[in-house]
Protein backbone atom coordinates (compact mmCIF):
# COMPACT_ATOMS: atom_id res chain seq x y z
CA MET A 1 0.00 0.00 0.00
CA ASP A 2 1.31 3.46 -0.88
CA ASP A 3 2.01 5.77 1.99
CA ALA A 4 -0.44 8.65 2.44
CA PRO A 5 1.02 12.00 1.45
CA GLU A 6 2.53 13.85 4.36
CA PRO A 7 0.56 16.97 5.27
CA PRO A 8 2.42 20.24 4.67
CA ARG A 9 4.31 21.51 7.65
CA PRO A 10 3.55 25.01 8.88
CA ASP A 11 6.12 27.65 8.04
CA PRO A 12 7.75 28.59 11.35
CA GLY A 13 8.33 32.12 10.03
CA ALA A 14 4.71 32.72 9.04
CA ALA A 15 2.52 34.80 11.31
CA PRO A 16 -0.62 33.13 12.71
CA PRO A 17 -3.91 34.14 11.07
CA ARG A 18 -4.98 36.30 14.01
CA THR A 19 -1.73 38.28 13.84
CA ARG A 20 -2.11 38.76 10.09
CA LEU A 21 -5.63 40.11 10.61
CA ARG A 22 -4.36 42.55 13.22
CA ARG A 23 -1.65 43.75 10.84
CA LEU A 24 -4.20 44.20 8.06
CA ALA A 25 -6.48 46.16 10.39
CA ARG A 26 -3.59 48.46 11.35
CA ARG A 27 -2.77 49.09 7.68
CA ILE A 28 -6.30 50.10 6.69
CA ALA A 29 -7.56 51.70 9.93
CA VAL A 30 -7.60 55.48 10.21
CA ASP A 31 -4.32 56.94 11.51
CA VAL A 32 -4.92 58.96 14.70
CA ALA A 33 -1.30 60.14 15.08
CA PRO A 34 -2.16 63.82 14.38
CA LEU A 35 -4.50 63.81 17.39
CA GLN A 36 -1.81 62.23 19.56
CA VAL A 37 1.07 64.57 18.70
CA SER A 38 -0.62 67.97 18.28
CA ARG A 39 -2.62 69.60 21.10
CA ASP A 40 -3.81 72.39 18.81
CA PHE A 41 -5.01 69.97 16.16
CA ARG A 42 -6.89 68.09 18.90
CA LEU A 43 -8.64 71.31 19.90
CA LEU A 44 -9.46 72.19 16.31
CA TRP A 45 -10.71 68.68 15.55
CA THR A 46 -12.87 68.42 18.67
CA GLY A 47 -14.50 71.81 18.16
CA LEU A 48 -15.15 71.01 14.53
CA LEU A 49 -16.71 67.67 15.47
CA ILE A 50 -19.32 69.35 17.66
CA SER A 51 -20.07 72.36 15.45
CA GLU A 52 -20.34 70.30 12.26
CA ALA A 53 -22.88 68.03 13.92
CA GLY A 54 -24.98 71.10 14.66
CA TYR A 55 -24.64 72.52 11.16
CA GLN A 56 -26.23 69.38 9.72
CA PHE A 57 -29.43 70.35 11.56
CA THR A 58 -29.51 73.72 9.78
CA LEU A 59 -28.69 72.15 6.41
CA VAL A 60 -31.69 69.83 6.57
CA ALA A 61 -33.95 72.42 8.20
CA THR A 62 -33.49 75.05 5.49
CA PHE A 63 -34.42 72.62 2.71
CA VAL A 64 -37.43 71.33 4.64
CA GLN A 65 -38.57 74.85 5.55
CA VAL A 66 -38.44 76.16 1.97
CA THR A 67 -40.23 73.03 0.76
CA GLN A 68 -43.00 73.57 3.34
CA LEU A 69 -43.33 77.26 2.48
CA THR A 70 -43.36 76.95 -1.31
CA GLY A 71 -43.70 73.32 -2.47
CA SER A 72 -41.55 74.37 -5.44
CA PRO A 73 -38.46 72.41 -6.57
CA ALA A 74 -37.08 75.57 -8.16
CA ALA A 75 -37.45 77.53 -4.90
CA VAL A 76 -35.66 74.75 -3.02
CA GLY A 77 -32.93 74.74 -5.65
CA ALA A 78 -32.57 78.51 -5.21
CA VAL A 79 -31.29 77.84 -1.68
CA GLY A 80 -28.18 76.58 -3.44
CA LEU A 81 -28.00 79.64 -5.68
CA VAL A 82 -28.04 82.18 -2.84
CA GLY A 83 -25.52 80.05 -0.98
CA LEU A 84 -23.26 80.12 -4.02
CA ALA A 85 -23.48 83.92 -4.15
CA GLY A 86 -22.34 84.05 -0.54
CA LEU A 87 -19.50 81.65 -1.25
CA VAL A 88 -18.21 83.76 -4.12
CA LEU A 89 -18.25 86.88 -1.95
CA GLY A 90 -16.54 85.09 0.92
CA THR A 91 -13.90 83.56 -1.34
CA LEU A 92 -12.89 86.90 -2.84
CA ALA A 93 -12.33 88.45 0.58
CA GLY A 94 -11.67 85.45 2.79
CA GLY A 95 -8.46 84.10 1.29
CA THR A 96 -6.82 87.50 1.66
CA PHE A 97 -7.77 87.72 5.35
CA ILE A 98 -6.48 84.22 6.01
CA ASP A 99 -3.04 84.90 4.52
CA ARG A 100 -2.76 88.44 5.95
CA TYR A 101 -3.95 88.02 9.57
CA ASP A 102 -3.58 85.58 12.45
CA ARG A 103 -5.53 82.49 11.40
CA ARG A 104 -6.72 81.75 14.92
CA THR A 105 -8.30 85.20 15.16
CA VAL A 106 -10.02 84.76 11.80
CA LEU A 107 -11.39 81.41 13.00
CA VAL A 108 -12.79 82.91 16.22
CA TRP A 109 -14.67 85.71 14.45
CA SER A 110 -16.02 83.25 11.90
CA GLN A 111 -17.80 81.37 14.68
CA VAL A 112 -19.38 84.60 15.94
CA ALA A 113 -20.72 85.33 12.45
CA PHE A 114 -22.11 81.79 12.15
CA MET A 115 -23.99 82.30 15.40
CA VAL A 116 -25.57 85.55 14.16
CA ALA A 117 -26.84 83.89 10.96
CA THR A 118 -28.20 80.85 12.78
CA ALA A 119 -29.95 83.09 15.33
CA ALA A 120 -31.72 84.79 12.40
CA LEU A 121 -32.96 81.41 11.14
CA LEU A 122 -34.15 80.53 14.63
CA ALA A 123 -36.08 83.80 14.83
CA GLY A 124 -37.68 83.06 11.45
CA ALA A 125 -38.70 79.57 12.54
CA LEU A 126 -40.58 81.09 15.48
CA MET A 127 -42.68 83.23 13.10
CA GLU A 128 -46.01 81.95 11.81
CA ARG A 129 -44.91 82.42 8.20
CA PRO A 130 -41.36 83.75 7.84
CA PRO A 131 -40.42 85.70 4.71
CA LEU A 132 -38.50 83.59 2.21
CA ALA A 133 -35.99 86.43 1.93
CA LEU A 134 -35.00 85.94 5.58
CA ILE A 135 -34.12 82.29 4.97
CA TYR A 136 -32.25 83.07 1.76
CA GLY A 137 -30.36 85.92 3.45
CA ALA A 138 -29.27 83.77 6.39
CA VAL A 139 -28.19 80.97 4.04
CA ALA A 140 -26.14 83.49 2.04
CA LEU A 141 -24.45 84.78 5.21
CA ILE A 142 -23.64 81.26 6.41
CA ALA A 143 -22.12 80.47 3.01
CA THR A 144 -20.09 83.70 3.04
CA VAL A 145 -18.64 82.88 6.45
CA ALA A 146 -18.03 79.25 5.43
CA ALA A 147 -15.85 80.54 2.59
CA VAL A 148 -13.61 82.05 5.28
CA ASP A 149 -13.95 79.47 8.05
CA GLY A 150 -13.21 76.35 5.99
CA PRO A 151 -10.07 77.67 4.25
CA THR A 152 -8.82 79.01 7.58
CA ARG A 153 -8.94 75.54 9.13
CA SER A 154 -7.42 73.99 6.00
CA ALA A 155 -4.55 76.49 5.93
CA MET A 156 -3.90 75.98 9.66
CA THR A 157 -3.64 72.20 9.46
CA PRO A 158 -0.21 71.80 7.79
CA ARG A 159 1.34 74.08 10.42
CA LEU A 160 -0.34 72.19 13.26
CA VAL A 161 0.62 68.64 12.21
CA GLY A 162 3.47 68.94 9.67
CA ARG A 163 3.76 67.60 6.12
CA ALA A 164 4.28 63.95 7.07
CA LEU A 165 1.01 63.70 9.01
CA LEU A 166 -1.07 65.87 6.69
CA PRO A 167 -2.80 63.01 4.77
CA ALA A 168 -3.76 61.39 8.09
CA ALA A 169 -5.08 64.72 9.40
CA LEU A 170 -7.20 65.19 6.27
CA VAL A 171 -8.64 61.70 6.72
CA LEU A 172 -9.51 62.55 10.33
CA ASN A 173 -11.32 65.66 9.11
CA GLN A 174 -13.24 63.47 6.69
CA VAL A 175 -14.24 61.27 9.63
CA ILE A 176 -15.81 64.36 11.21
CA TRP A 177 -17.59 65.61 8.11
CA ASN A 178 -18.99 62.24 7.27
CA GLY A 179 -19.64 61.07 10.80
CA THR A 180 -21.62 64.22 11.51
CA GLY A 181 -23.16 63.97 8.06
CA LEU A 182 -24.41 60.54 9.08
CA VAL A 183 -25.72 61.28 12.56
CA GLY A 184 -26.70 64.93 12.15
CA PRO A 185 -29.27 64.73 9.33
CA ALA A 186 -30.88 61.60 10.75
CA LEU A 187 -31.33 63.30 14.13
CA ALA A 188 -32.38 66.52 12.41
CA GLY A 189 -35.15 64.72 10.55
CA ILE A 190 -36.47 63.27 13.79
CA VAL A 191 -36.21 66.60 15.65
CA ILE A 192 -37.97 68.51 12.86
CA ASP A 193 -40.66 65.86 12.58
CA ARG A 194 -41.41 65.76 16.32
CA LEU A 195 -40.36 69.14 17.73
CA GLY A 196 -40.25 71.55 14.81
CA LEU A 197 -37.77 73.64 12.85
CA ALA A 198 -36.92 76.02 15.69
CA TRP A 199 -35.40 73.19 17.73
CA ALA A 200 -33.14 72.22 14.82
CA TYR A 201 -31.80 75.76 14.47
CA GLY A 202 -31.42 76.01 18.25
CA VAL A 203 -29.23 72.90 18.38
CA ASP A 204 -26.92 74.37 15.73
CA LEU A 205 -26.67 77.69 17.56
CA VAL A 206 -25.55 76.01 20.78
CA THR A 207 -22.89 73.83 19.10
CA TYR A 208 -21.00 76.85 17.74
CA VAL A 209 -20.02 77.67 21.33
CA ALA A 210 -17.81 74.55 21.37
CA MET A 211 -15.92 75.61 18.25
CA LEU A 212 -15.55 79.14 19.60
CA ALA A 213 -14.07 77.86 22.87
CA ALA A 214 -11.68 75.49 21.08
CA ALA A 215 -10.50 78.15 18.64
CA ALA A 216 -9.74 80.58 21.47
CA ARG A 217 -7.33 78.06 23.06
CA ILE A 218 -5.27 77.33 19.92
CA ARG A 219 -1.87 79.05 19.80
CA PRO A 220 -1.64 82.17 17.60
CA LEU A 221 -0.88 81.46 13.93
CA PRO A 222 0.26 84.73 12.34
CA PRO A 223 1.68 84.81 8.79
CA GLU A 224 5.10 83.18 8.59
CA PRO A 225 8.09 85.55 8.94
CA GLY A 226 9.19 87.08 5.65
CA THR A 227 5.77 86.66 4.04
CA GLU A 228 4.77 89.73 2.05
CA ALA A 229 1.31 90.78 3.19
CA ARG A 230 -0.57 91.99 0.14
CA SER A 231 -4.11 93.20 0.54
CA GLY A 232 -7.20 93.84 -1.53
CA TRP A 233 -7.64 92.82 -5.14
CA GLU A 234 -3.92 92.40 -5.73
CA ALA A 235 -3.83 89.54 -3.22
CA VAL A 236 -6.89 87.95 -4.84
CA ARG A 237 -5.34 88.24 -8.29
CA GLU A 238 -2.09 86.72 -7.02
CA GLY A 239 -3.95 83.60 -5.93
CA PHE A 240 -5.70 83.20 -9.27
CA ARG A 241 -2.44 83.88 -11.16
CA TYR A 242 -0.80 81.04 -9.28
CA LEU A 243 -3.70 78.71 -10.04
CA ARG A 244 -3.64 79.62 -13.73
CA GLY A 245 -0.23 78.01 -14.09
CA GLN A 246 -1.10 74.79 -12.23
CA ARG A 247 -2.91 72.39 -14.56
CA VAL A 248 -3.18 69.54 -12.06
CA LEU A 249 -4.62 71.81 -9.36
CA GLN A 250 -7.12 73.14 -11.88
CA ALA A 251 -8.17 69.58 -12.68
CA THR A 252 -8.71 68.74 -8.99
CA PHE A 253 -11.11 71.67 -8.79
CA LEU A 254 -12.88 70.97 -12.07
CA ILE A 255 -13.49 67.29 -11.41
CA ASP A 256 -15.21 68.12 -8.13
CA VAL A 257 -17.37 70.68 -9.93
CA VAL A 258 -18.41 67.95 -12.37
CA ALA A 259 -19.28 65.55 -9.53
CA MET A 260 -21.22 68.05 -7.44
CA VAL A 261 -23.04 70.04 -10.12
CA PHE A 262 -24.37 67.01 -11.98
CA GLY A 263 -24.31 64.30 -9.31
CA MET A 264 -25.60 66.03 -6.16
CA PRO A 265 -29.37 65.42 -5.78
CA ARG A 266 -29.75 66.55 -2.15
CA ALA A 267 -32.15 69.42 -2.96
CA LEU A 268 -34.58 66.77 -4.22
CA PHE A 269 -34.47 64.64 -1.06
CA PRO A 270 -37.59 66.22 0.53
CA ILE A 271 -39.50 65.75 -2.75
CA LEU A 272 -38.21 62.21 -3.36
CA ALA A 273 -39.11 61.20 0.20
CA ASP A 274 -42.70 62.22 -0.56
CA VAL A 275 -43.38 61.34 -4.20
CA GLN A 276 -41.04 58.36 -4.70
CA PHE A 277 -40.71 56.74 -1.28
CA HIS A 278 -44.03 58.02 0.17
CA ARG A 279 -42.49 58.91 3.54
CA GLY A 280 -42.08 62.00 5.75
CA PRO A 281 -39.28 64.21 7.13
CA ALA A 282 -37.64 61.32 9.00
CA VAL A 283 -36.79 59.71 5.64
CA VAL A 284 -35.42 63.04 4.41
CA GLY A 285 -32.89 62.74 7.21
CA LEU A 286 -32.01 59.19 6.16
CA LEU A 287 -31.42 60.29 2.57
CA PHE A 288 -29.09 63.05 3.74
CA SER A 289 -27.30 60.61 6.05
CA ALA A 290 -26.82 57.72 3.62
CA PRO A 291 -23.84 59.16 1.68
CA ALA A 292 -22.20 59.90 5.02
CA VAL A 293 -22.56 56.24 6.07
CA GLY A 294 -20.43 55.15 3.15
CA ALA A 295 -18.08 58.09 3.52
CA LEU A 296 -17.53 57.38 7.21
CA LEU A 297 -16.76 53.73 6.48
CA GLY A 298 -14.44 54.86 3.70
CA ALA A 299 -12.64 57.28 6.01
CA LEU A 300 -12.31 54.79 8.86
CA THR A 301 -10.66 52.29 6.49
CA ALA A 302 -8.51 54.84 4.64
CA GLY A 303 -5.23 54.08 6.38
CA TRP A 304 -3.90 52.96 2.99
CA VAL A 305 -4.26 56.33 1.23
CA GLY A 306 -0.80 57.51 2.22
CA LYS A 307 0.71 54.66 0.20
CA VAL A 308 -1.06 55.51 -3.08
CA ARG A 309 1.26 57.11 -5.63
CA HIS A 310 -1.10 57.57 -8.61
CA GLN A 311 -3.22 60.16 -6.84
CA GLY A 312 -4.69 61.77 -9.96
CA ARG A 313 -5.87 58.43 -11.28
CA ALA A 314 -7.39 57.61 -7.89
CA VAL A 315 -9.44 60.83 -7.97
CA VAL A 316 -10.81 60.08 -11.45
CA TRP A 317 -11.93 56.57 -10.51
CA ALA A 318 -13.43 57.75 -7.22
CA VAL A 319 -15.52 60.42 -8.97
CA ALA A 320 -16.67 57.87 -11.55
CA VAL A 321 -17.84 55.52 -8.78
CA TRP A 322 -19.70 58.44 -7.19
CA GLY A 323 -21.56 58.96 -10.48
CA VAL A 324 -22.41 55.26 -10.75
CA GLY A 325 -23.84 55.29 -7.22
CA ILE A 326 -26.01 58.34 -7.92
CA THR A 327 -27.26 56.88 -11.21
CA ALA A 328 -28.21 53.63 -9.49
CA PHE A 329 -29.98 55.56 -6.72
CA GLY A 330 -32.19 57.17 -9.34
CA LEU A 331 -33.20 53.77 -10.72
CA VAL A 332 -34.33 51.99 -7.53
CA GLY A 333 -37.98 53.00 -7.73
CA GLU A 334 -39.69 52.73 -4.33
CA ASN A 335 -37.00 50.49 -2.78
CA LEU A 336 -35.78 52.85 -0.06
CA TRP A 337 -33.12 50.59 1.45
CA LEU A 338 -31.52 49.81 -1.90
CA GLY A 339 -31.50 53.53 -2.65
CA LEU A 340 -29.77 54.23 0.66
CA ALA A 341 -27.16 51.56 -0.14
CA PHE A 342 -26.28 53.22 -3.46
CA LEU A 343 -26.05 56.62 -1.79
CA ALA A 344 -23.65 55.04 0.72
CA LEU A 345 -21.51 53.69 -2.14
CA ALA A 346 -21.37 57.18 -3.62
CA GLY A 347 -20.33 58.60 -0.26
CA ALA A 348 -17.47 56.12 0.14
CA ALA A 349 -16.11 57.12 -3.26
CA ASP A 350 -16.46 60.82 -2.47
CA VAL A 351 -14.36 60.67 0.68
CA ILE A 352 -11.47 59.02 -1.19
CA SER A 353 -11.64 61.72 -3.86
CA ALA A 354 -11.68 64.45 -1.20
CA VAL A 355 -8.62 63.12 0.64
CA PHE A 356 -6.48 62.90 -2.48
CA ARG A 357 -7.61 66.28 -3.81
CA GLY A 358 -6.91 67.91 -0.44
CA THR A 359 -3.48 66.30 -0.20
CA ILE A 360 -2.50 67.52 -3.67
CA LEU A 361 -3.60 71.05 -2.76
CA GLN A 362 -2.00 71.39 0.67
CA LEU A 363 1.34 69.80 -0.26
CA THR A 364 1.91 71.70 -3.50
CA VAL A 365 0.84 75.25 -2.55
CA PRO A 366 3.25 77.55 -0.63
CA ASP A 367 2.07 78.61 2.84
CA ALA A 368 1.93 82.27 1.77
CA LEU A 369 -0.75 81.36 -0.80
CA ARG A 370 -2.40 78.50 1.06
CA GLY A 371 -5.25 80.58 2.47
CA ARG A 372 -6.24 81.96 -0.92
CA LEU A 373 -6.00 78.62 -2.71
CA SER A 374 -7.85 76.91 0.14
CA ALA A 375 -10.56 79.56 -0.23
CA ILE A 376 -10.86 78.78 -3.93
CA ASN A 377 -11.04 75.10 -3.04
CA ILE A 378 -13.82 75.74 -0.51
CA LEU A 379 -15.69 77.72 -3.16
CA VAL A 380 -15.50 74.66 -5.40
CA VAL A 381 -16.22 72.06 -2.71
CA THR A 382 -19.18 73.88 -1.18
CA GLY A 383 -20.25 75.92 -4.19
CA GLY A 384 -20.47 72.87 -6.44
CA PRO A 385 -23.23 71.24 -4.37
CA ARG A 386 -25.14 74.53 -4.32
CA LEU A 387 -25.00 74.73 -8.11
CA GLY A 388 -26.01 71.08 -8.02
CA ASP A 389 -29.04 72.02 -5.92
CA LEU A 390 -30.09 74.51 -8.59
CA GLU A 391 -29.39 72.11 -11.47
CA ALA A 392 -31.28 69.28 -9.78
CA GLY A 393 -34.26 71.51 -9.03
CA LEU A 394 -34.48 72.96 -12.53
CA VAL A 395 -34.17 69.59 -14.29
CA ALA A 396 -36.71 68.06 -11.90
CA ALA A 397 -39.12 70.93 -12.61
CA ALA A 398 -38.66 70.50 -16.37
CA PHE A 399 -38.90 66.68 -16.33
CA THR A 400 -39.15 64.56 -13.16
CA PRO A 401 -36.99 64.17 -10.03
CA GLN A 402 -35.92 60.69 -11.20
CA VAL A 403 -34.77 62.04 -14.59
CA SER A 404 -32.78 64.71 -12.78
CA VAL A 405 -30.97 62.17 -10.59
CA VAL A 406 -30.20 59.60 -13.30
CA SER A 407 -29.06 62.08 -15.94
CA GLY A 408 -26.84 63.83 -13.41
CA GLY A 409 -25.11 60.62 -12.38
CA ILE A 410 -24.40 59.65 -15.99
CA LEU A 411 -22.99 63.09 -16.79
CA CYS A 412 -20.76 62.80 -13.73
CA VAL A 413 -19.14 59.57 -14.99
CA VAL A 414 -18.71 60.91 -18.51
CA GLY A 415 -17.28 64.19 -17.23
CA ALA A 416 -14.69 62.51 -15.00
CA PHE A 417 -13.13 60.49 -17.80
CA ALA A 418 -13.43 63.38 -20.26
CA LEU A 419 -11.40 65.56 -17.90
CA ALA A 420 -8.77 62.83 -17.52
CA ARG A 421 -8.47 62.77 -21.31
CA LEU A 422 -8.30 66.57 -21.62
CA VAL A 423 -5.70 66.96 -18.83
CA PRO A 424 -3.40 63.92 -19.14
CA ALA A 425 -1.00 65.38 -16.55
CA PHE A 426 -3.76 64.96 -13.97
CA TRP A 427 -4.28 61.29 -14.86
CA ARG A 428 -0.51 60.71 -14.61
CA TYR A 429 0.02 62.73 -11.43
CA HIS A 430 2.14 61.02 -8.74
CA ALA A 431 2.29 61.97 -5.06
CA GLY A 432 4.92 64.61 -4.33
CA GLU A 433 5.19 65.99 -7.86
CA PRO A 434 4.68 69.72 -8.50
CA ALA A 435 1.07 70.41 -9.47
């Protein structure tokens, strides 16, 4: 009788399965080193966590309030238009302030301005029938301040954590934006449904106190020594002149415009919750939260992003996946849970795109120009969705909400690969190269 084959012997140098799993988890898990090594970044991150959670209440509440007052998709889309106007105004002035003055001081006063605008919305919610102009005006003011506040925090971050930890810090910021984007809208929908709009605005107003307190404790961050402090239009023009010569940076901005203008259907969520899914405000909150579910999971497992060299290519593919997710969401019919799953897929892709685009920006722009270029980036990142609100509302009014969502997702995919073809340097871009 032949002998049975001898079973393979274990490799004494191989790690046991449990150890390999732990190593894999460490490689993909979010890197918290910036929070461990920088007290000021911890303060900034903690304050942002609380205030961003509150802002999600206002974001949902304004869309719901305009829908209740008008019932018009175009009027809801106009919320995005007035917000865009505020962003443009804030971008033109904000970048100059950020590069000219102490960034901590700019951050503190931004929180005060946010509180004034939110208090106006709260006052309107307590009226029997508030004027639409009050809501639009407050939204415009919030957007104007956001065009200063966001770039200020972005420009502060490299000086708080250093170049080596910057990608990890940007991922941690994405954890905030998407974690609060997950919890905030869902809670906002419940609060609005059960307690009313005024409570939603009140929650946001209180949370700005946390950011104000954190900002006041961060060390001063004046312009770096030797930096020439230009002011006015000359400083604004200097920022745009720099951008004009940076093809890869231009592409990072343009591809996000494509994704957000065509593939951002959030203005339609109150209408879709009613006419497609036959539900109330609580489902509006779920629709707002679903992309954040995927984005949060993407951020929490983004420990690998620092190892990616082909960053331009990664952005293109991430934006294309976003478009696929939005298109699929528009095709689910009345299946709410499948629709939420596709929105989550889109959100996961978006967070990867955001991390790589932010890394390219912050590592290639000199500190003296970082405030102005960050302001332009915020205009794109937050202005794109507002244009998307208008585009989604107008297309929905001309056709149907479903046509608006599906056509926008398809145009997003086509636009991403078209831009890669038109700007081959972006597709070929490697980490660390000049932009």
